C-alpha atoms as a PDB file:
ATOM      1  CA  MET A   1      82.431 -11.274 108.043  1.00  0.00           C
ATOM      2  CA  PHE A   2      85.530  -9.164 107.370  1.00  0.00           C
ATOM      3  CA  LYS A   3      88.560 -11.211 106.508  1.00  0.00           C
ATOM      4  CA  TYR A   4      91.953  -9.677 107.249  1.00  0.00           C
ATOM      5  CA  ASP A   5      94.207  -9.796 104.242  1.00  0.00           C
ATOM      6  CA  TYR A   6      97.943  -9.472 104.915  1.00  0.00           C
ATOM      7  CA  ARG A   7      98.477  -8.147 101.402  1.00  0.00           C
ATOM      8  CA  ASP A   8      96.371  -5.060 102.147  1.00  0.00           C
ATOM      9  CA  ARG A   9      98.575  -4.230 105.126  1.00  0.00           C
ATOM     10  CA  HIS A  10     101.678  -4.965 103.098  1.00  0.00           C
ATOM     11  CA  ASN A  11     100.530  -2.798 100.182  1.00  0.00           C
ATOM     12  CA  GLY A  12      99.564  -0.015 102.551  1.00  0.00           C
ATOM     13  CA  HIS A  13     103.086  -0.007 103.956  1.00  0.00           C
ATOM     14  CA  TYR A  14     104.596   0.284 100.500  1.00  0.00           C
ATOM     15  CA  LYS A  15     102.162   3.046  99.652  1.00  0.00           C
ATOM     16  CA  GLU A  16     103.308   4.980 102.724  1.00  0.00           C
ATOM     17  CA  LEU A  17     106.947   4.440 101.770  1.00  0.00           C
ATOM     18  CA  LEU A  18     106.294   5.616  98.218  1.00  0.00           C
ATOM     19  CA  GLU A  19     104.428   8.692  99.435  1.00  0.00           C
ATOM     20  CA  LYS A  20     107.309   9.522 101.775  1.00  0.00           C
ATOM     21  CA  ARG A  21     109.827   9.098  98.943  1.00  0.00           C
ATOM     22  CA  ILE A  22     107.727  11.291  96.658  1.00  0.00           C
ATOM     23  CA  LYS A  23     107.755  14.048  99.292  1.00  0.00           C
ATOM     24  CA  GLN A  24     111.541  13.734  99.609  1.00  0.00           C
ATOM     25  CA  LEU A  25     111.999  13.989  95.858  1.00  0.00           C
ATOM     26  CA  GLU A  26     109.650  16.964  95.653  1.00  0.00           C
ATOM     27  CA  ALA A  27     111.661  18.728  98.370  1.00  0.00           C
ATOM     28  CA  GLN A  28     114.893  17.993  96.508  1.00  0.00           C
ATOM     29  CA  LEU A  29     113.387  19.343  93.303  1.00  0.00           C
ATOM     30  CA  GLU A  30     112.298  22.559  95.010  1.00  0.00           C
ATOM     31  CA  GLU A  31     115.776  23.026  96.490  1.00  0.00           C
ATOM     32  CA  GLU A  32     117.335  22.463  93.076  1.00  0.00           C
ATOM     33  CA  LYS A  33     114.974  25.054  91.574  1.00  0.00           C
ATOM     34  CA  ARG A  34     115.994  27.590  94.251  1.00  0.00           C
ATOM     35  CA  ARG A  35     119.676  26.835  93.687  1.00  0.00           C
ATOM     36  CA  THR A  36     119.306  27.229  89.924  1.00  0.00           C
ATOM     37  CA  GLN A  37     117.474  30.542  90.387  1.00  0.00           C
ATOM     38  CA  ARG A  38     120.263  31.852  92.661  1.00  0.00           C
ATOM     39  CA  GLU A  39     122.869  30.798  90.101  1.00  0.00           C
ATOM     40  CA  ARG A  40     120.970  32.569  87.311  1.00  0.00           C
ATOM     41  CA  MET A  41     120.741  35.730  89.382  1.00  0.00           C
ATOM     42  CA  THR A  42     124.475  35.576  90.092  1.00  0.00           C
ATOM     43  CA  VAL A  43     125.271  35.121  86.406  1.00  0.00           C
ATOM     44  CA  THR A  44     123.031  38.057  85.497  1.00  0.00           C
ATOM     45  CA  LYS A  45     124.714  40.298  88.082  1.00  0.00           C
ATOM     46  CA  LEU A  46     128.162  39.321  86.823  1.00  0.00           C
ATOM     47  CA  GLN A  47     127.133  39.928  83.225  1.00  0.00           C
ATOM     48  CA  ASN A  48     125.857  43.389  84.145  1.00  0.00           C
ATOM     49  CA  LYS A  49     129.113  44.183  85.924  1.00  0.00           C
ATOM     50  CA  LEU A  50     131.060  43.004  82.894  1.00  0.00           C
ATOM     51  CA  ILE A  51     128.994  45.224  80.623  1.00  0.00           C
ATOM     52  CA  LYS A  52     129.709  48.225  82.884  1.00  0.00           C
ATOM     53  CA  VAL A  53     133.435  47.476  82.956  1.00  0.00           C
ATOM     54  CA  ARG A  54     133.536  47.128  79.178  1.00  0.00           C
ATOM     55  CA  TYR A  55     131.635  50.383  78.748  1.00  0.00           C
ATOM     56  CA  ILE A  56     133.943  52.254  81.138  1.00  0.00           C
ATOM     57  CA  THR A  57     137.003  50.792  79.428  1.00  0.00           C
ATOM     58  CA  PHE A  58     135.633  51.623  75.984  1.00  0.00           C
ATOM     59  CA  ASP A  59     134.719  55.129  77.067  1.00  0.00           C
ATOM     60  CA  ALA A  60     138.183  55.695  78.587  1.00  0.00           C
ATOM     61  CA  ASN A  61     139.893  54.455  75.415  1.00  0.00           C
ATOM     62  CA  CYS A  62     137.786  56.732  73.234  1.00  0.00           C
ATOM     63  CA  ARG A  63     138.800  59.771  75.258  1.00  0.00           C
ATOM     64  CA  LEU A  64     142.487  59.090  74.785  1.00  0.00           C
END
């Protein structure tokens, strides 16, 4: 005959909680990855603008 064991139910509950927490952490990690990628793209755009400004400034100074 099957004997009900409270520990199985208890462990199952913790397993569900852990799985839920893992999903939350995975979602946070994905958001952090997206945020980091946006920041990198912003830095790259700003660096490119800086290079253009330096080139224009250098070119203007050379013509003087």
